C-alpha cells in the first residue's frame, strides 16, 4: 500500500509505520484533515482507467 498525507499531523512514513503498512502495491491510503478538523483515512485501489 502506498501512503500519502496532506494537512495531516503525521508524515507519510510515520503513518505507514503506525499502521504497519508495507510500501508498494496497487492500493493507496491518503491521510488528510477536512475543514471541520476531522481526520480522514481514504483507501483507494488503482486499476484500469475507464
Protein backbone atom coordinates (compact mmCIF):
# COMPACT_ATOMS: atom_id res chain seq x y z
CA UNK A 1 0.00 0.00 0.00
CA UNK A 2 1.30 3.45 -0.87
CA UNK A 3 0.81 6.23 1.68
CA UNK A 4 0.37 9.99 1.21
CA UNK A 5 -0.64 12.73 3.63
CA UNK A 6 -1.80 16.30 3.27
CA UNK A 7 -2.67 18.62 6.19
CA UNK A 8 -2.30 15.61 8.50
CA UNK A 9 -0.42 15.52 11.82
CA UNK A 10 1.75 12.56 10.72
CA UNK A 11 4.06 12.36 7.73
CA UNK A 12 3.51 9.56 5.21
CA UNK A 13 6.36 7.44 6.65
CA UNK A 14 5.07 7.96 10.20
CA UNK A 15 1.53 6.94 9.19
CA UNK A 16 2.82 3.85 7.36
CA UNK A 17 4.82 2.83 10.43
CA UNK A 18 1.90 3.43 12.81
CA UNK A 19 -0.43 1.33 10.62
CA UNK A 20 2.30 -1.28 9.96
CA UNK A 21 1.92 -0.85 6.21
CA UNK A 22 4.46 -2.07 3.68
CA UNK A 23 5.01 0.39 0.82
CA UNK A 24 4.07 -0.67 -2.71
CA UNK A 25 1.23 -2.42 -4.47
CA UNK A 26 -1.94 -1.23 -6.16
CA UNK A 27 -3.62 0.36 -3.14
CA UNK A 28 -3.22 3.87 -1.81
CA UNK A 29 -4.09 5.38 1.56
CA UNK A 30 -4.42 9.13 1.97
CA UNK A 31 -4.38 10.81 5.37
CA UNK A 32 -5.99 14.26 5.41
CA UNK A 33 -7.70 16.78 7.68
CA UNK A 34 -11.04 18.19 6.50
CA UNK A 35 -12.29 21.76 7.17
CA UNK A 36 -14.19 20.83 10.35
CA UNK A 37 -10.93 19.45 11.85
CA UNK A 38 -11.82 15.77 11.46
CA UNK A 39 -9.06 13.49 10.21
CA UNK A 40 -9.78 11.01 7.46
CA UNK A 41 -8.02 7.99 6.01
CA UNK A 42 -9.11 7.36 2.44
CA UNK A 43 -8.22 3.99 0.90
CA UNK A 44 -8.25 3.56 -2.88
CA UNK A 45 -7.31 0.82 -5.31
CA UNK A 46 -5.59 1.70 -8.57
CA UNK A 47 -6.93 -0.14 -11.57
CA UNK A 48 -7.55 0.09 -15.26
CA UNK A 49 -8.98 3.51 -16.19
CA UNK A 50 -12.45 3.61 -17.73
